[in-house]
Amino acid sequence: MGGSSGINEIQGSMICISAGVFLYGEGKERLELPEFWIARAPVTNAEYAQFVIATAYEPPSHWKAGVPPDEILNHPVTHVSWNDAMAYAEWVGKRLPTEEEWEKAARGLEGWAYPWGEWEEGCCNTKEAGVGTTTPVGLYSPKGDSPYGCVDMAGNVLEWTASMDGKYQILRGGAYNHGQELAYSAFRIRHKPSYRYRNIGFRVGSTTHCAT
């Protein structure tokens, strides 16, 4: 998609998505969003550990003595609730993306089924990959990148969004223990904000204006 995807700027780990219309949801309806920033990758265990240490926040349950094992430092943090994700986002001066923002960043303007287009093995960490657990963020880059350069937007971990459906928060993206039928860009699932699980993580977003 190149420049047609509307990339304005990349700054550190954040990517700016320009305002405009894209094809959204199962029905590929035309939806317009203002510009926004979204993280290139999910938050890692190493990044989340900085937050835990600085704020004395409760660490994920699978960490050993409150510290992530070395072998998963660059994997997406898991066993985090929506409430945990919100607390981290506030700490770093960001927010969670809405599910509409998440989907635009994942599939681009043209409503691609997966971040890279049609289904193809070797582009993401889903059940088809046979890994059975999380992988380092960006392991499948650039082959599995979205049109904007975001990584891991299919598989690896489900990601909390800011959007609600009744009393439940929406998650996007599929996970390592999901098949391709649950990892396409329009797939959505919902859970209570307090829910934690081994295949759930998040990435951050921001409404800071892009540079002109």
N, C-alpha and C. Protein backbone atom coordinates (compact mmCIF):
# COMPACT_ATOMS: atom_id res chain seq x y z
N MET A 1 0.82 -1.21 0.00
CA MET A 1 0.00 0.00 0.00
C MET A 1 0.85 1.25 0.00
N GLY A 2 2.07 1.12 0.55
CA GLY A 2 3.00 2.24 0.48
C GLY A 2 2.43 3.49 1.10
N GLY A 3 2.69 4.63 0.44
CA GLY A 3 2.28 5.91 0.95
C GLY A 3 0.78 6.08 1.00
N SER A 4 0.01 5.27 0.23
CA SER A 4 -1.44 5.41 0.22
C SER A 4 -2.07 5.07 1.55
N SER A 5 -1.34 4.38 2.43
CA SER A 5 -1.90 4.01 3.73
C SER A 5 -1.98 5.20 4.66
N GLY A 6 -1.34 6.29 4.36
CA GLY A 6 -1.50 7.51 5.13
C GLY A 6 -0.56 7.63 6.31
N ILE A 7 0.66 7.13 6.18
CA ILE A 7 1.62 7.27 7.26
C ILE A 7 2.16 8.69 7.25
N ASN A 8 2.07 9.38 8.37
CA ASN A 8 2.64 10.71 8.48
C ASN A 8 4.04 10.67 9.07
N GLU A 9 4.20 9.88 10.13
CA GLU A 9 5.44 10.00 10.90
C GLU A 9 5.64 8.77 11.78
N ILE A 10 6.89 8.40 11.97
CA ILE A 10 7.24 7.36 12.94
C ILE A 10 8.17 8.01 13.95
N GLN A 11 7.85 7.86 15.22
CA GLN A 11 8.63 8.50 16.27
C GLN A 11 8.90 7.46 17.36
N GLY A 12 10.13 6.98 17.43
CA GLY A 12 10.46 5.95 18.40
C GLY A 12 9.64 4.69 18.14
N SER A 13 8.89 4.29 19.14
CA SER A 13 8.08 3.07 19.01
C SER A 13 6.65 3.37 18.59
N MET A 14 6.33 4.63 18.33
CA MET A 14 4.96 5.03 17.97
C MET A 14 4.87 5.39 16.49
N ILE A 15 3.74 5.03 15.88
CA ILE A 15 3.49 5.31 14.47
C ILE A 15 2.26 6.20 14.37
N CYS A 16 2.33 7.25 13.58
CA CYS A 16 1.21 8.16 13.39
C CYS A 16 0.37 7.74 12.19
N ILE A 17 -0.92 7.59 12.41
CA ILE A 17 -1.85 7.20 11.36
C ILE A 17 -2.67 8.43 10.97
N SER A 18 -2.62 8.82 9.73
CA SER A 18 -3.30 10.02 9.27
C SER A 18 -4.82 9.87 9.33
N ALA A 19 -5.50 11.01 9.44
CA ALA A 19 -6.96 11.03 9.41
C ALA A 19 -7.45 10.55 8.05
N GLY A 20 -8.66 9.98 8.05
CA GLY A 20 -9.24 9.57 6.78
C GLY A 20 -10.15 8.37 6.90
N VAL A 21 -10.68 7.97 5.76
CA VAL A 21 -11.65 6.88 5.67
C VAL A 21 -10.93 5.55 5.45
N PHE A 22 -11.43 4.49 6.07
CA PHE A 22 -10.95 3.14 5.80
C PHE A 22 -12.13 2.18 5.85
N LEU A 23 -11.90 0.94 5.42
CA LEU A 23 -12.95 -0.07 5.41
C LEU A 23 -12.89 -0.85 6.71
N TYR A 24 -14.02 -0.84 7.45
CA TYR A 24 -14.03 -1.33 8.82
C TYR A 24 -14.99 -2.49 9.00
N GLY A 25 -14.58 -3.45 9.83
CA GLY A 25 -15.46 -4.52 10.28
C GLY A 25 -15.70 -5.61 9.25
N GLU A 26 -16.54 -6.57 9.65
CA GLU A 26 -16.86 -7.70 8.79
C GLU A 26 -17.46 -7.24 7.46
N GLY A 27 -18.28 -6.18 7.53
CA GLY A 27 -18.95 -5.71 6.33
C GLY A 27 -18.18 -4.68 5.53
N LYS A 28 -16.96 -4.37 5.97
CA LYS A 28 -16.12 -3.38 5.28
C LYS A 28 -16.86 -2.06 5.04
N GLU A 29 -17.47 -1.55 6.09
CA GLU A 29 -18.15 -0.26 5.98
C GLU A 29 -17.12 0.88 5.97
N ARG A 30 -17.47 1.95 5.31
CA ARG A 30 -16.58 3.11 5.27
C ARG A 30 -16.68 3.86 6.60
N LEU A 31 -15.55 4.06 7.23
CA LEU A 31 -15.51 4.72 8.52
C LEU A 31 -14.37 5.73 8.52
N GLU A 32 -14.64 6.91 9.03
CA GLU A 32 -13.61 7.96 9.07
C GLU A 32 -13.13 8.17 10.49
N LEU A 33 -11.81 8.27 10.66
CA LEU A 33 -11.20 8.53 11.95
C LEU A 33 -10.28 9.74 11.87
N PRO A 34 -10.16 10.50 12.95
CA PRO A 34 -9.13 11.53 12.99
C PRO A 34 -7.76 10.87 13.13
N GLU A 35 -6.70 11.66 12.98
CA GLU A 35 -5.36 11.09 13.12
C GLU A 35 -5.12 10.62 14.55
N PHE A 36 -4.24 9.64 14.67
CA PHE A 36 -3.89 9.12 15.99
C PHE A 36 -2.54 8.43 15.90
N TRP A 37 -1.96 8.19 17.07
CA TRP A 37 -0.73 7.42 17.18
C TRP A 37 -1.05 6.04 17.74
N ILE A 38 -0.28 5.05 17.32
CA ILE A 38 -0.39 3.71 17.90
C ILE A 38 1.00 3.10 18.00
N ALA A 39 1.21 2.29 19.02
CA ALA A 39 2.52 1.67 19.20
C ALA A 39 2.79 0.66 18.09
N ARG A 40 4.04 0.60 17.67
CA ARG A 40 4.44 -0.37 16.64
C ARG A 40 4.25 -1.79 17.14
N ALA A 41 4.41 -2.02 18.43
CA ALA A 41 4.39 -3.38 18.98
C ALA A 41 3.65 -3.41 20.31
N PRO A 42 3.22 -4.59 20.72
CA PRO A 42 2.64 -4.70 22.06
C PRO A 42 3.68 -4.37 23.14
N VAL A 43 3.19 -4.00 24.30
CA VAL A 43 4.07 -3.75 25.44
C VAL A 43 4.75 -5.05 25.86
N THR A 44 6.05 -5.00 26.07
CA THR A 44 6.81 -6.21 26.42
C THR A 44 6.88 -6.38 27.94
N ASN A 45 7.32 -7.57 28.35
CA ASN A 45 7.55 -7.81 29.76
C ASN A 45 8.59 -6.85 30.33
N ALA A 46 9.63 -6.57 29.56
CA ALA A 46 10.68 -5.66 30.02
C ALA A 46 10.12 -4.26 30.25
N GLU A 47 9.29 -3.79 29.34
CA GLU A 47 8.69 -2.46 29.49
C GLU A 47 7.73 -2.41 30.67
N TYR A 48 6.93 -3.45 30.81
CA TYR A 48 5.97 -3.50 31.90
C TYR A 48 6.69 -3.60 33.25
N ALA A 49 7.83 -4.27 33.27
CA ALA A 49 8.60 -4.40 34.51
C ALA A 49 9.05 -3.04 35.02
N GLN A 50 9.39 -2.13 34.12
CA GLN A 50 9.78 -0.78 34.55
C GLN A 50 8.63 -0.11 35.30
N PHE A 51 7.43 -0.29 34.79
CA PHE A 51 6.22 0.25 35.43
C PHE A 51 5.99 -0.39 36.80
N VAL A 52 6.12 -1.71 36.86
CA VAL A 52 5.92 -2.44 38.12
C VAL A 52 6.91 -1.97 39.19
N ILE A 53 8.16 -1.83 38.79
CA ILE A 53 9.19 -1.41 39.74
C ILE A 53 8.98 0.03 40.21
N ALA A 54 8.66 0.90 39.26
CA ALA A 54 8.53 2.33 39.59
C ALA A 54 7.31 2.63 40.45
N THR A 55 6.26 1.85 40.31
CA THR A 55 4.99 2.15 40.99
C THR A 55 4.62 1.13 42.06
N ALA A 56 5.44 0.09 42.22
CA ALA A 56 5.12 -1.01 43.15
C ALA A 56 3.80 -1.68 42.79
N TYR A 57 3.52 -1.72 41.50
CA TYR A 57 2.29 -2.33 41.00
C TYR A 57 2.38 -3.86 41.07
N GLU A 58 1.25 -4.51 41.20
CA GLU A 58 1.22 -5.98 41.26
C GLU A 58 1.75 -6.57 39.96
N PRO A 59 2.76 -7.42 39.99
CA PRO A 59 3.31 -8.00 38.76
C PRO A 59 2.42 -9.12 38.22
N PRO A 60 2.56 -9.46 36.95
CA PRO A 60 1.83 -10.60 36.39
C PRO A 60 2.12 -11.87 37.17
N SER A 61 1.13 -12.74 37.28
CA SER A 61 1.20 -13.90 38.17
C SER A 61 2.27 -14.92 37.78
N HIS A 62 2.68 -14.95 36.51
CA HIS A 62 3.65 -15.96 36.07
C HIS A 62 5.10 -15.50 36.20
N TRP A 63 5.32 -14.25 36.59
CA TRP A 63 6.68 -13.78 36.83
C TRP A 63 7.23 -14.45 38.09
N LYS A 64 8.52 -14.64 38.12
CA LYS A 64 9.16 -15.28 39.27
C LYS A 64 9.67 -14.21 40.24
N ALA A 65 9.15 -14.26 41.47
CA ALA A 65 9.53 -13.28 42.50
C ALA A 65 9.30 -11.85 42.01
N GLY A 66 8.25 -11.67 41.22
CA GLY A 66 7.90 -10.34 40.75
C GLY A 66 8.73 -9.81 39.61
N VAL A 67 9.56 -10.67 38.99
CA VAL A 67 10.44 -10.25 37.90
C VAL A 67 10.23 -11.18 36.70
N PRO A 68 10.14 -10.65 35.48
CA PRO A 68 9.95 -11.52 34.33
C PRO A 68 11.20 -12.33 34.04
N PRO A 69 11.06 -13.61 33.70
CA PRO A 69 12.22 -14.42 33.32
C PRO A 69 12.94 -13.81 32.13
N ASP A 70 14.25 -13.94 32.09
CA ASP A 70 15.05 -13.35 31.01
C ASP A 70 14.59 -13.77 29.63
N GLU A 71 14.15 -15.04 29.52
CA GLU A 71 13.82 -15.56 28.20
C GLU A 71 12.54 -14.97 27.61
N ILE A 72 11.77 -14.24 28.41
CA ILE A 72 10.56 -13.62 27.86
C ILE A 72 10.57 -12.10 27.99
N LEU A 73 11.73 -11.52 28.24
CA LEU A 73 11.79 -10.06 28.39
C LEU A 73 11.25 -9.33 27.17
N ASN A 74 11.54 -9.84 25.97
CA ASN A 74 11.10 -9.18 24.74
C ASN A 74 9.81 -9.78 24.19
N HIS A 75 9.13 -10.62 24.99
CA HIS A 75 7.82 -11.12 24.60
C HIS A 75 6.76 -10.15 25.10
N PRO A 76 5.57 -10.15 24.50
CA PRO A 76 4.51 -9.28 25.01
C PRO A 76 4.12 -9.66 26.43
N VAL A 77 3.88 -8.69 27.27
CA VAL A 77 3.42 -8.97 28.62
C VAL A 77 2.03 -9.61 28.54
N THR A 78 1.78 -10.58 29.41
CA THR A 78 0.49 -11.27 29.46
C THR A 78 0.02 -11.34 30.91
N HIS A 79 -1.12 -12.01 31.10
CA HIS A 79 -1.73 -12.06 32.43
C HIS A 79 -1.98 -10.65 32.97
N VAL A 80 -2.40 -9.76 32.07
CA VAL A 80 -2.73 -8.39 32.47
C VAL A 80 -4.19 -8.10 32.13
N SER A 81 -4.88 -7.48 33.06
CA SER A 81 -6.27 -7.10 32.85
C SER A 81 -6.35 -5.78 32.09
N TRP A 82 -7.56 -5.41 31.70
CA TRP A 82 -7.78 -4.10 31.09
C TRP A 82 -7.41 -3.00 32.10
N ASN A 83 -7.75 -3.24 33.34
CA ASN A 83 -7.39 -2.26 34.38
C ASN A 83 -5.88 -2.08 34.48
N ASP A 84 -5.14 -3.19 34.40
CA ASP A 84 -3.67 -3.12 34.42
C ASP A 84 -3.15 -2.34 33.21
N ALA A 85 -3.71 -2.65 32.05
CA ALA A 85 -3.29 -1.97 30.82
C ALA A 85 -3.54 -0.47 30.90
N MET A 86 -4.68 -0.09 31.45
CA MET A 86 -5.00 1.32 31.61
C MET A 86 -4.02 2.00 32.57
N ALA A 87 -3.67 1.31 33.64
CA ALA A 87 -2.74 1.88 34.62
C ALA A 87 -1.37 2.11 33.98
N TYR A 88 -0.91 1.14 33.18
CA TYR A 88 0.38 1.29 32.50
C TYR A 88 0.32 2.45 31.50
N ALA A 89 -0.75 2.49 30.70
CA ALA A 89 -0.87 3.53 29.68
C ALA A 89 -0.84 4.92 30.31
N GLU A 90 -1.54 5.06 31.43
CA GLU A 90 -1.55 6.36 32.12
C GLU A 90 -0.15 6.71 32.62
N TRP A 91 0.57 5.71 33.11
CA TRP A 91 1.91 5.92 33.65
C TRP A 91 2.87 6.43 32.57
N VAL A 92 2.73 5.94 31.35
CA VAL A 92 3.62 6.37 30.26
C VAL A 92 3.06 7.56 29.49
N GLY A 93 1.94 8.12 29.96
CA GLY A 93 1.36 9.29 29.30
C GLY A 93 0.66 8.97 28.00
N LYS A 94 0.15 7.76 27.88
CA LYS A 94 -0.56 7.34 26.66
C LYS A 94 -1.96 6.88 27.04
N ARG A 95 -2.61 6.15 26.16
CA ARG A 95 -3.93 5.58 26.39
C ARG A 95 -4.02 4.28 25.61
N LEU A 96 -5.12 3.57 25.71
CA LEU A 96 -5.34 2.41 24.86
C LEU A 96 -6.02 2.86 23.57
N PRO A 97 -5.70 2.23 22.44
CA PRO A 97 -6.40 2.57 21.20
C PRO A 97 -7.84 2.07 21.24
N THR A 98 -8.72 2.76 20.55
CA THR A 98 -10.07 2.22 20.36
C THR A 98 -10.00 1.03 19.42
N GLU A 99 -11.06 0.23 19.38
CA GLU A 99 -11.01 -0.92 18.46
C GLU A 99 -11.01 -0.46 17.00
N GLU A 100 -11.61 0.68 16.72
CA GLU A 100 -11.59 1.20 15.35
C GLU A 100 -10.18 1.63 14.95
N GLU A 101 -9.50 2.31 15.86
CA GLU A 101 -8.11 2.70 15.60
C GLU A 101 -7.23 1.46 15.44
N TRP A 102 -7.42 0.50 16.32
CA TRP A 102 -6.63 -0.73 16.25
C TRP A 102 -6.81 -1.39 14.89
N GLU A 103 -8.06 -1.48 14.44
CA GLU A 103 -8.32 -2.18 13.17
C GLU A 103 -7.74 -1.42 11.98
N LYS A 104 -7.84 -0.11 11.98
CA LYS A 104 -7.26 0.66 10.87
C LYS A 104 -5.75 0.45 10.81
N ALA A 105 -5.11 0.47 11.97
CA ALA A 105 -3.66 0.25 12.01
C ALA A 105 -3.30 -1.16 11.58
N ALA A 106 -4.21 -2.11 11.80
CA ALA A 106 -3.95 -3.51 11.46
C ALA A 106 -4.14 -3.83 9.99
N ARG A 107 -5.17 -3.26 9.37
CA ARG A 107 -5.53 -3.70 8.01
C ARG A 107 -5.42 -2.62 6.94
N GLY A 108 -5.07 -1.40 7.34
CA GLY A 108 -4.92 -0.35 6.35
C GLY A 108 -6.25 0.19 5.87
N LEU A 109 -6.24 0.83 4.72
CA LEU A 109 -7.42 1.52 4.20
C LEU A 109 -8.36 0.63 3.43
N GLU A 110 -7.85 -0.47 2.91
CA GLU A 110 -8.59 -1.25 1.93
C GLU A 110 -9.27 -2.49 2.50
N GLY A 111 -9.29 -2.63 3.82
CA GLY A 111 -10.00 -3.74 4.42
C GLY A 111 -9.36 -5.09 4.24
N TRP A 112 -8.03 -5.15 4.26
CA TRP A 112 -7.35 -6.43 4.11
C TRP A 112 -7.79 -7.40 5.20
N ALA A 113 -7.86 -8.68 4.86
CA ALA A 113 -8.29 -9.70 5.82
C ALA A 113 -7.29 -9.83 6.97
N TYR A 114 -6.01 -9.79 6.64
CA TYR A 114 -4.93 -9.87 7.62
C TYR A 114 -3.99 -8.69 7.38
N PRO A 115 -3.13 -8.38 8.33
CA PRO A 115 -2.26 -7.21 8.16
C PRO A 115 -1.47 -7.20 6.85
N TRP A 116 -1.10 -8.37 6.37
CA TRP A 116 -0.29 -8.47 5.15
C TRP A 116 -1.13 -8.75 3.91
N GLY A 117 -2.44 -8.94 4.05
CA GLY A 117 -3.32 -9.24 2.91
C GLY A 117 -4.14 -10.49 3.17
N GLU A 118 -4.09 -11.48 2.26
CA GLU A 118 -4.78 -12.76 2.45
C GLU A 118 -3.95 -13.68 3.32
N TRP A 119 -4.60 -14.70 3.90
CA TRP A 119 -3.91 -15.61 4.81
C TRP A 119 -2.70 -16.26 4.16
N GLU A 120 -1.61 -16.30 4.90
CA GLU A 120 -0.38 -16.96 4.45
C GLU A 120 0.38 -17.40 5.69
N GLU A 121 0.77 -18.65 5.75
CA GLU A 121 1.51 -19.13 6.91
C GLU A 121 2.91 -18.51 6.95
N GLY A 122 3.46 -18.44 8.14
CA GLY A 122 4.78 -17.85 8.31
C GLY A 122 4.77 -16.36 8.52
N CYS A 123 3.56 -15.78 8.71
CA CYS A 123 3.45 -14.33 8.90
C CYS A 123 3.10 -13.93 10.32
N CYS A 124 2.73 -14.92 11.16
CA CYS A 124 2.30 -14.57 12.51
C CYS A 124 2.35 -15.80 13.41
N ASN A 125 2.24 -15.55 14.70
CA ASN A 125 2.27 -16.61 15.70
C ASN A 125 0.85 -17.01 16.08
N THR A 126 0.25 -17.89 15.27
CA THR A 126 -1.04 -18.48 15.58
C THR A 126 -0.86 -19.98 15.75
N LYS A 127 -1.95 -20.69 15.98
CA LYS A 127 -1.89 -22.13 16.19
C LYS A 127 -1.18 -22.84 15.04
N GLU A 128 -1.34 -22.30 13.83
CA GLU A 128 -0.71 -22.92 12.65
C GLU A 128 0.81 -22.92 12.75
N ALA A 129 1.39 -21.96 13.48
CA ALA A 129 2.85 -21.88 13.61
C ALA A 129 3.40 -22.98 14.51
N GLY A 130 2.56 -23.53 15.38
CA GLY A 130 2.98 -24.64 16.23
C GLY A 130 3.88 -24.27 17.38
N VAL A 131 3.96 -22.98 17.73
CA VAL A 131 4.85 -22.54 18.81
C VAL A 131 4.25 -22.86 20.18
N GLY A 132 2.97 -22.57 20.35
CA GLY A 132 2.27 -22.90 21.57
C GLY A 132 2.45 -21.93 22.72
N THR A 133 3.13 -20.83 22.49
CA THR A 133 3.31 -19.80 23.51
C THR A 133 3.66 -18.49 22.81
N THR A 134 3.93 -17.44 23.59
CA THR A 134 4.28 -16.16 22.97
C THR A 134 5.66 -16.22 22.32
N THR A 135 5.89 -15.32 21.40
CA THR A 135 7.19 -15.15 20.76
C THR A 135 7.64 -13.70 20.93
N PRO A 136 8.93 -13.41 20.74
CA PRO A 136 9.39 -12.03 20.84
C PRO A 136 8.60 -11.11 19.90
N VAL A 137 8.31 -9.90 20.33
CA VAL A 137 7.57 -8.97 19.47
C VAL A 137 8.38 -8.71 18.21
N GLY A 138 7.70 -8.66 17.08
CA GLY A 138 8.37 -8.39 15.82
C GLY A 138 9.09 -9.56 15.20
N LEU A 139 8.94 -10.77 15.76
CA LEU A 139 9.63 -11.93 15.21
C LEU A 139 9.25 -12.18 13.77
N TYR A 140 8.01 -11.87 13.40
CA TYR A 140 7.51 -12.14 12.05
C TYR A 140 7.58 -10.90 11.16
N SER A 141 8.32 -9.90 11.60
CA SER A 141 8.51 -8.68 10.80
C SER A 141 9.68 -8.86 9.85
N PRO A 142 9.62 -8.31 8.63
CA PRO A 142 8.55 -7.45 8.11
C PRO A 142 7.44 -8.20 7.37
N LYS A 143 7.56 -9.52 7.23
CA LYS A 143 6.59 -10.27 6.45
C LYS A 143 5.18 -10.12 6.98
N GLY A 144 5.04 -10.09 8.31
CA GLY A 144 3.71 -10.01 8.90
C GLY A 144 3.28 -8.62 9.30
N ASP A 145 4.03 -7.59 8.90
CA ASP A 145 3.70 -6.22 9.29
C ASP A 145 2.39 -5.75 8.65
N SER A 146 1.74 -4.82 9.34
CA SER A 146 0.56 -4.17 8.77
C SER A 146 1.01 -3.14 7.74
N PRO A 147 0.08 -2.58 6.96
CA PRO A 147 0.46 -1.55 5.97
C PRO A 147 1.17 -0.35 6.58
N TYR A 148 0.98 -0.13 7.88
CA TYR A 148 1.61 1.00 8.55
C TYR A 148 2.92 0.64 9.24
N GLY A 149 3.27 -0.64 9.23
CA GLY A 149 4.50 -1.08 9.89
C GLY A 149 4.32 -1.56 11.31
N CYS A 150 3.06 -1.76 11.75
CA CYS A 150 2.81 -2.33 13.07
C CYS A 150 3.06 -3.83 13.03
N VAL A 151 3.58 -4.37 14.12
CA VAL A 151 3.90 -5.80 14.19
C VAL A 151 2.94 -6.52 15.13
N ASP A 152 2.80 -7.82 14.93
CA ASP A 152 2.03 -8.70 15.82
C ASP A 152 0.56 -8.29 15.94
N MET A 153 -0.04 -7.83 14.85
CA MET A 153 -1.46 -7.48 14.90
C MET A 153 -2.34 -8.64 14.49
N ALA A 154 -1.73 -9.78 14.25
CA ALA A 154 -2.44 -11.05 14.10
C ALA A 154 -1.66 -12.08 14.90
N GLY A 155 -2.31 -12.72 15.85
CA GLY A 155 -1.62 -13.73 16.65
C GLY A 155 -0.75 -13.14 17.74
N ASN A 156 0.03 -13.99 18.35
CA ASN A 156 0.86 -13.73 19.52
C ASN A 156 0.00 -13.48 20.76
N VAL A 157 -0.57 -12.29 20.95
CA VAL A 157 -1.50 -12.08 22.05
C VAL A 157 -2.71 -11.27 21.60
N LEU A 158 -3.85 -11.56 22.22
CA LEU A 158 -5.00 -10.67 22.10
C LEU A 158 -4.64 -9.35 22.76
N GLU A 159 -5.23 -8.25 22.28
CA GLU A 159 -4.88 -6.94 22.81
C GLU A 159 -6.11 -6.19 23.28
N TRP A 160 -6.05 -5.70 24.52
CA TRP A 160 -7.11 -4.87 25.06
C TRP A 160 -7.23 -3.59 24.25
N THR A 161 -8.46 -3.11 24.08
CA THR A 161 -8.69 -1.79 23.49
C THR A 161 -9.49 -0.94 24.47
N ALA A 162 -9.65 0.32 24.14
CA ALA A 162 -10.42 1.24 24.98
C ALA A 162 -11.92 1.06 24.80
N SER A 163 -12.33 0.29 23.80
CA SER A 163 -13.75 0.19 23.45
C SER A 163 -14.50 -0.82 24.32
N MET A 164 -15.77 -0.50 24.58
CA MET A 164 -16.62 -1.35 25.40
C MET A 164 -17.79 -1.89 24.59
N ASP A 165 -18.30 -3.05 25.02
CA ASP A 165 -19.53 -3.64 24.51
C ASP A 165 -20.35 -4.00 25.73
N GLY A 166 -21.26 -3.13 26.11
CA GLY A 166 -21.97 -3.31 27.36
C GLY A 166 -21.02 -3.12 28.54
N LYS A 167 -20.94 -4.14 29.40
CA LYS A 167 -20.04 -4.07 30.56
C LYS A 167 -18.68 -4.69 30.26
N TYR A 168 -18.45 -5.05 29.03
CA TYR A 168 -17.23 -5.77 28.67
C TYR A 168 -16.31 -4.92 27.80
N GLN A 169 -15.01 -5.18 27.91
CA GLN A 169 -14.02 -4.50 27.08
C GLN A 169 -13.70 -5.37 25.87
N ILE A 170 -13.41 -4.72 24.76
CA ILE A 170 -13.13 -5.43 23.50
C ILE A 170 -11.64 -5.69 23.36
N LEU A 171 -11.33 -6.91 22.93
CA LEU A 171 -9.95 -7.29 22.59
C LEU A 171 -9.87 -7.60 21.10
N ARG A 172 -8.69 -7.39 20.54
CA ARG A 172 -8.49 -7.60 19.11
C ARG A 172 -7.21 -8.41 18.85
N GLY A 173 -7.14 -9.03 17.68
CA GLY A 173 -5.89 -9.54 17.16
C GLY A 173 -5.63 -11.03 17.19
N GLY A 174 -6.42 -11.82 17.90
CA GLY A 174 -6.10 -13.24 17.98
C GLY A 174 -4.87 -13.50 18.81
N ALA A 175 -4.55 -14.78 19.04
CA ALA A 175 -3.43 -15.13 19.92
C ALA A 175 -2.73 -16.39 19.42
N TYR A 176 -1.64 -16.74 20.09
CA TYR A 176 -0.83 -17.88 19.68
C TYR A 176 -1.59 -19.21 19.73
N ASN A 177 -2.62 -19.30 20.58
CA ASN A 177 -3.40 -20.52 20.68
C ASN A 177 -4.70 -20.47 19.89
N HIS A 178 -4.83 -19.47 19.05
CA HIS A 178 -5.98 -19.35 18.14
C HIS A 178 -5.57 -19.74 16.73
N GLY A 179 -6.52 -20.30 15.98
CA GLY A 179 -6.28 -20.55 14.57
C GLY A 179 -6.50 -19.30 13.74
N GLN A 180 -6.20 -19.40 12.47
CA GLN A 180 -6.31 -18.23 11.59
C GLN A 180 -7.71 -17.64 11.57
N GLU A 181 -8.72 -18.46 11.82
CA GLU A 181 -10.10 -17.98 11.78
C GLU A 181 -10.42 -17.03 12.92
N LEU A 182 -9.54 -16.94 13.93
CA LEU A 182 -9.73 -16.02 15.04
C LEU A 182 -8.64 -14.96 15.11
N ALA A 183 -7.87 -14.84 14.05
CA ALA A 183 -6.76 -13.88 14.05
C ALA A 183 -6.85 -12.86 12.92
N TYR A 184 -7.96 -12.86 12.20
CA TYR A 184 -8.09 -11.89 11.12
C TYR A 184 -8.39 -10.50 11.70
N SER A 185 -8.21 -9.48 10.90
CA SER A 185 -8.18 -8.11 11.42
C SER A 185 -9.51 -7.61 11.98
N ALA A 186 -10.63 -8.16 11.51
CA ALA A 186 -11.93 -7.70 12.00
C ALA A 186 -12.44 -8.52 13.18
N PHE A 187 -11.70 -9.54 13.59
CA PHE A 187 -12.14 -10.39 14.71
C PHE A 187 -12.13 -9.61 16.01
N ARG A 188 -13.17 -9.81 16.82
CA ARG A 188 -13.27 -9.14 18.11
C ARG A 188 -13.83 -10.10 19.15
N ILE A 189 -13.36 -9.96 20.36
CA ILE A 189 -13.82 -10.76 21.48
C ILE A 189 -13.94 -9.83 22.67
N ARG A 190 -14.74 -10.19 23.68
CA ARG A 190 -14.92 -9.30 24.81
C ARG A 190 -14.74 -10.06 26.13
N HIS A 191 -14.25 -9.33 27.13
CA HIS A 191 -14.08 -9.89 28.47
C HIS A 191 -14.32 -8.80 29.51
N LYS A 192 -14.53 -9.24 30.74
CA LYS A 192 -14.63 -8.29 31.85
C LYS A 192 -13.30 -7.55 32.01
N PRO A 193 -13.32 -6.29 32.42
CA PRO A 193 -12.08 -5.52 32.56
C PRO A 193 -11.09 -6.10 33.55
N SER A 194 -11.57 -6.93 34.46
CA SER A 194 -10.68 -7.54 35.47
C SER A 194 -10.06 -8.85 35.01
N TYR A 195 -10.44 -9.32 33.81
CA TYR A 195 -10.00 -10.63 33.34
C TYR A 195 -8.52 -10.63 32.97
N ARG A 196 -7.81 -11.67 33.40
CA ARG A 196 -6.41 -11.86 33.03
C ARG A 196 -6.23 -13.27 32.46
N TYR A 197 -5.37 -13.40 31.47
CA TYR A 197 -5.11 -14.72 30.91
C TYR A 197 -3.75 -14.74 30.23
N ARG A 198 -3.28 -15.94 29.97
CA ARG A 198 -1.94 -16.13 29.42
C ARG A 198 -1.79 -15.69 27.97
N ASN A 199 -2.90 -15.41 27.30
CA ASN A 199 -2.79 -14.99 25.90
C ASN A 199 -3.28 -13.55 25.68
N ILE A 200 -3.35 -12.76 26.75
CA ILE A 200 -3.86 -11.39 26.65
C ILE A 200 -2.79 -10.37 27.01
N GLY A 201 -2.59 -9.40 26.13
CA GLY A 201 -1.67 -8.28 26.37
C GLY A 201 -2.30 -7.00 25.85
N PHE A 202 -1.47 -6.05 25.43
CA PHE A 202 -1.99 -4.77 24.94
C PHE A 202 -0.88 -3.96 24.29
N ARG A 203 -1.28 -2.97 23.51
CA ARG A 203 -0.36 -1.93 23.03
C ARG A 203 -1.00 -0.59 23.33
N VAL A 204 -0.21 0.47 23.32
CA VAL A 204 -0.72 1.79 23.68
C VAL A 204 -0.97 2.63 22.44
N GLY A 205 -1.73 3.71 22.64
CA GLY A 205 -2.00 4.68 21.59
C GLY A 205 -1.93 6.08 22.16
N SER A 206 -2.22 7.07 21.31
CA SER A 206 -2.15 8.45 21.76
C SER A 206 -2.93 9.32 20.78
N THR A 207 -3.43 10.44 21.25
CA THR A 207 -4.11 11.39 20.38
C THR A 207 -3.25 12.60 20.06
N THR A 208 -1.98 12.59 20.48
CA THR A 208 -1.08 13.69 20.16
C THR A 208 -1.04 13.90 18.65
N HIS A 209 -1.14 15.16 18.21
CA HIS A 209 -1.18 15.43 16.78
C HIS A 209 0.16 15.08 16.10
N CYS A 210 0.04 14.58 14.89
CA CYS A 210 1.22 14.28 14.10
C CYS A 210 1.90 15.58 13.69
N ALA A 211 3.19 15.49 13.47
CA ALA A 211 3.93 16.67 13.00
C ALA A 211 3.51 17.00 11.57
N THR A 212 3.59 18.25 11.22
CA THR A 212 3.24 18.65 9.86
C THR A 212 4.45 19.21 9.15
